[in-house]
C-alpha atoms as a PDB file:
ATOM      1  CA  MET A   1     -41.373  57.852 -20.812  1.00  0.00           C
ATOM      2  CA  PRO A   2     -41.054  57.915 -16.994  1.00  0.00           C
ATOM      3  CA  GLN A   3     -41.010  61.204 -15.125  1.00  0.00           C
ATOM      4  CA  SER A   4     -37.808  62.264 -13.467  1.00  0.00           C
ATOM      5  CA  ASP A   5     -37.620  62.227  -9.695  1.00  0.00           C
ATOM      6  CA  ASP A   6     -37.302  66.018  -9.624  1.00  0.00           C
ATOM      7  CA  LYS A   7     -40.573  66.441 -11.504  1.00  0.00           C
ATOM      8  CA  ARG A   8     -42.348  64.087  -9.088  1.00  0.00           C
ATOM      9  CA  LEU A   9     -40.988  65.986  -6.090  1.00  0.00           C
ATOM     10  CA  VAL A  10     -42.092  69.311  -7.551  1.00  0.00           C
ATOM     11  CA  ASP A  11     -45.591  67.867  -8.175  1.00  0.00           C
ATOM     12  CA  LEU A  12     -45.749  66.492  -4.635  1.00  0.00           C
ATOM     13  CA  THR A  13     -44.630  69.817  -3.158  1.00  0.00           C
ATOM     14  CA  ALA A  14     -47.239  71.716  -5.163  1.00  0.00           C
ATOM     15  CA  ARG A  15     -49.983  69.296  -4.094  1.00  0.00           C
ATOM     16  CA  ILE A  16     -49.040  69.593  -0.405  1.00  0.00           C
ATOM     17  CA  GLU A  17     -48.872  73.393  -0.686  1.00  0.00           C
ATOM     18  CA  GLN A  18     -52.356  73.451  -2.184  1.00  0.00           C
ATOM     19  CA  ASP A  19     -53.829  70.982   0.312  1.00  0.00           C
ATOM     20  CA  ASP A  20     -52.304  72.301   3.555  1.00  0.00           C
ATOM     21  CA  PRO A  21     -50.295  75.540   3.195  1.00  0.00           C
ATOM     22  CA  ARG A  22     -49.572  75.788   6.927  1.00  0.00           C
ATOM     23  CA  PHE A  23     -47.942  72.354   6.958  1.00  0.00           C
ATOM     24  CA  ALA A  24     -45.934  73.136   3.805  1.00  0.00           C
ATOM     25  CA  ARG A  25     -44.619  76.420   5.270  1.00  0.00           C
ATOM     26  CA  SER A  26     -43.651  74.723   8.507  1.00  0.00           C
ATOM     27  CA  MET A  27     -41.754  71.988   6.647  1.00  0.00           C
ATOM     28  CA  SER A  28     -39.775  74.558   4.677  1.00  0.00           C
ATOM     29  CA  SER A  29     -38.876  76.452   7.862  1.00  0.00           C
ATOM     30  CA  GLY A  30     -37.601  73.274   9.520  1.00  0.00           C
ATOM     31  CA  ARG A  31     -40.191  73.204  12.324  1.00  0.00           C
ATOM     32  CA  PRO A  32     -42.928  70.837  11.140  1.00  0.00           C
ATOM     33  CA  THR A  33     -46.427  71.037  12.555  1.00  0.00           C
ATOM     34  CA  ARG A  34     -49.050  68.363  12.503  1.00  0.00           C
ATOM     35  CA  PRO A  35     -50.832  67.914   9.185  1.00  0.00           C
ATOM     36  CA  ARG A  36     -54.402  69.193   9.027  1.00  0.00           C
ATOM     37  CA  GLU A  37     -55.785  65.671   9.435  1.00  0.00           C
ATOM     38  CA  TYR A  38     -54.322  65.439  12.940  1.00  0.00           C
ATOM     39  CA  ARG A  39     -55.148  68.897  14.299  1.00  0.00           C
ATOM     40  CA  ARG A  40     -58.103  68.308  16.570  1.00  0.00           C
ATOM     41  CA  ALA A  41     -58.233  71.260  19.001  1.00  0.00           C
ATOM     42  CA  ARG A  42     -61.233  72.835  17.263  1.00  0.00           C
ATOM     43  CA  ALA A  43     -63.093  69.524  17.270  1.00  0.00           C
ATOM     44  CA  TRP A  44     -62.547  69.114  21.020  1.00  0.00           C
ATOM     45  CA  TRP A  45     -63.783  72.662  21.711  1.00  0.00           C
ATOM     46  CA  VAL A  46     -66.936  72.227  19.613  1.00  0.00           C
ATOM     47  CA  LEU A  47     -67.660  68.806  21.106  1.00  0.00           C
ATOM     48  CA  GLY A  48     -67.123  70.138  24.646  1.00  0.00           C
ATOM     49  CA  ALA A  49     -69.400  73.123  24.067  1.00  0.00           C
ATOM     50  CA  GLY A  50     -72.063  70.839  22.597  1.00  0.00           C
ATOM     51  CA  LEU A  51     -71.918  68.469  25.561  1.00  0.00           C
ATOM     52  CA  VAL A  52     -72.102  71.386  28.029  1.00  0.00           C
ATOM     53  CA  LEU A  53     -75.171  72.767  26.238  1.00  0.00           C
ATOM     54  CA  LEU A  54     -76.743  69.305  26.090  1.00  0.00           C
ATOM     55  CA  THR A  55     -76.173  68.718  29.805  1.00  0.00           C
ATOM     56  CA  THR A  56     -77.479  72.182  30.665  1.00  0.00           C
ATOM     57  CA  GLY A  57     -80.545  71.572  28.537  1.00  0.00           C
ATOM     58  CA  LEU A  58     -81.215  68.295  30.348  1.00  0.00           C
ATOM     59  CA  ILE A  59     -80.788  69.833  33.810  1.00  0.00           C
ATOM     60  CA  VAL A  60     -82.886  72.895  32.995  1.00  0.00           C
ATOM     61  CA  PRO A  61     -85.599  71.329  30.853  1.00  0.00           C
ATOM     62  CA  ASP A  62     -85.175  73.470  27.757  1.00  0.00           C
ATOM     63  CA  GLY A  63     -85.681  71.915  24.345  1.00  0.00           C
ATOM     64  CA  LEU A  64     -83.742  74.592  22.510  1.00  0.00           C
ATOM     65  CA  LEU A  65     -80.602  73.957  24.595  1.00  0.00           C
ATOM     66  CA  ILE A  66     -80.963  70.206  24.087  1.00  0.00           C
ATOM     67  CA  ALA A  67     -81.316  70.619  20.323  1.00  0.00           C
ATOM     68  CA  THR A  68     -78.381  73.033  20.140  1.00  0.00           C
ATOM     69  CA  GLY A  69     -76.255  70.674  22.236  1.00  0.00           C
ATOM     70  CA  LEU A  70     -77.094  67.725  20.009  1.00  0.00           C
ATOM     71  CA  VAL A  71     -76.296  69.651  16.835  1.00  0.00           C
ATOM     72  CA  LEU A  72     -72.985  70.996  18.171  1.00  0.00           C
ATOM     73  CA  SER A  73     -72.011  67.559  19.469  1.00  0.00           C
ATOM     74  CA  GLY A  74     -72.716  66.075  16.040  1.00  0.00           C
ATOM     75  CA  ILE A  75     -70.616  68.748  14.358  1.00  0.00           C
ATOM     76  CA  GLY A  76     -67.796  68.160  16.848  1.00  0.00           C
ATOM     77  CA  VAL A  77     -67.784  64.416  16.213  1.00  0.00           C
ATOM     78  CA  GLN A  78     -67.806  65.035  12.450  1.00  0.00           C
ATOM     79  CA  LEU A  79     -64.712  67.253  12.805  1.00  0.00           C
ATOM     80  CA  PHE A  80     -62.757  64.236  14.116  1.00  0.00           C
ATOM     81  CA  ASP A  81     -62.954  62.552  10.684  1.00  0.00           C
ATOM     82  CA  PRO A  82     -59.405  62.760   9.280  1.00  0.00           C
ATOM     83  CA  TYR A  83     -60.533  62.283   5.673  1.00  0.00           C
ATOM     84  CA  PRO A  84     -63.643  64.366   4.940  1.00  0.00           C
ATOM     85  CA  PRO A  85     -65.413  63.746   1.627  1.00  0.00           C
ATOM     86  CA  GLN A  86     -63.827  65.646  -1.251  1.00  0.00           C
ATOM     87  CA  GLY A  87     -65.613  68.117  -3.492  1.00  0.00           C
ATOM     88  CA  GLY A  88     -69.089  68.326  -4.835  1.00  0.00           C
ATOM     89  CA  GLY A  89     -71.309  65.967  -6.741  1.00  0.00           C
ATOM     90  CA  PRO A  90     -70.804  63.629  -9.689  1.00  0.00           C
ATOM     91  CA  GLU A  91     -69.759  66.419 -12.092  1.00  0.00           C
ATOM     92  CA  ARG A  92     -66.747  67.234  -9.880  1.00  0.00           C
ATOM     93  CA  GLN A  93     -65.774  63.580  -9.588  1.00  0.00           C
ATOM     94  CA  SER A  94     -65.670  63.104 -13.362  1.00  0.00           C
ATOM     95  CA  ALA A  95     -63.485  66.185 -13.837  1.00  0.00           C
ATOM     96  CA  ARG A  96     -60.613  64.581 -11.923  1.00  0.00           C
END
């Protein structure tokens, strides 16, 4: 027996509300924001800070600054991924 369209819309609304509450609230108010996958300001800030620390560590030969810059740059690049891996290990995957 197929689901009614209303039931599908209610399920979709609940899923969006759970996944990205800020986006769901903005849609209901009539002023939509970008979905979480396309908000990149934090990624740019982390990447910029990492590159500044890396450059500073190369100019002033300091291994700790270089390592910190590399780690922050890696984190910043990882934040650009629009679809991060979901959940935990194999036990979480089988529960879905």
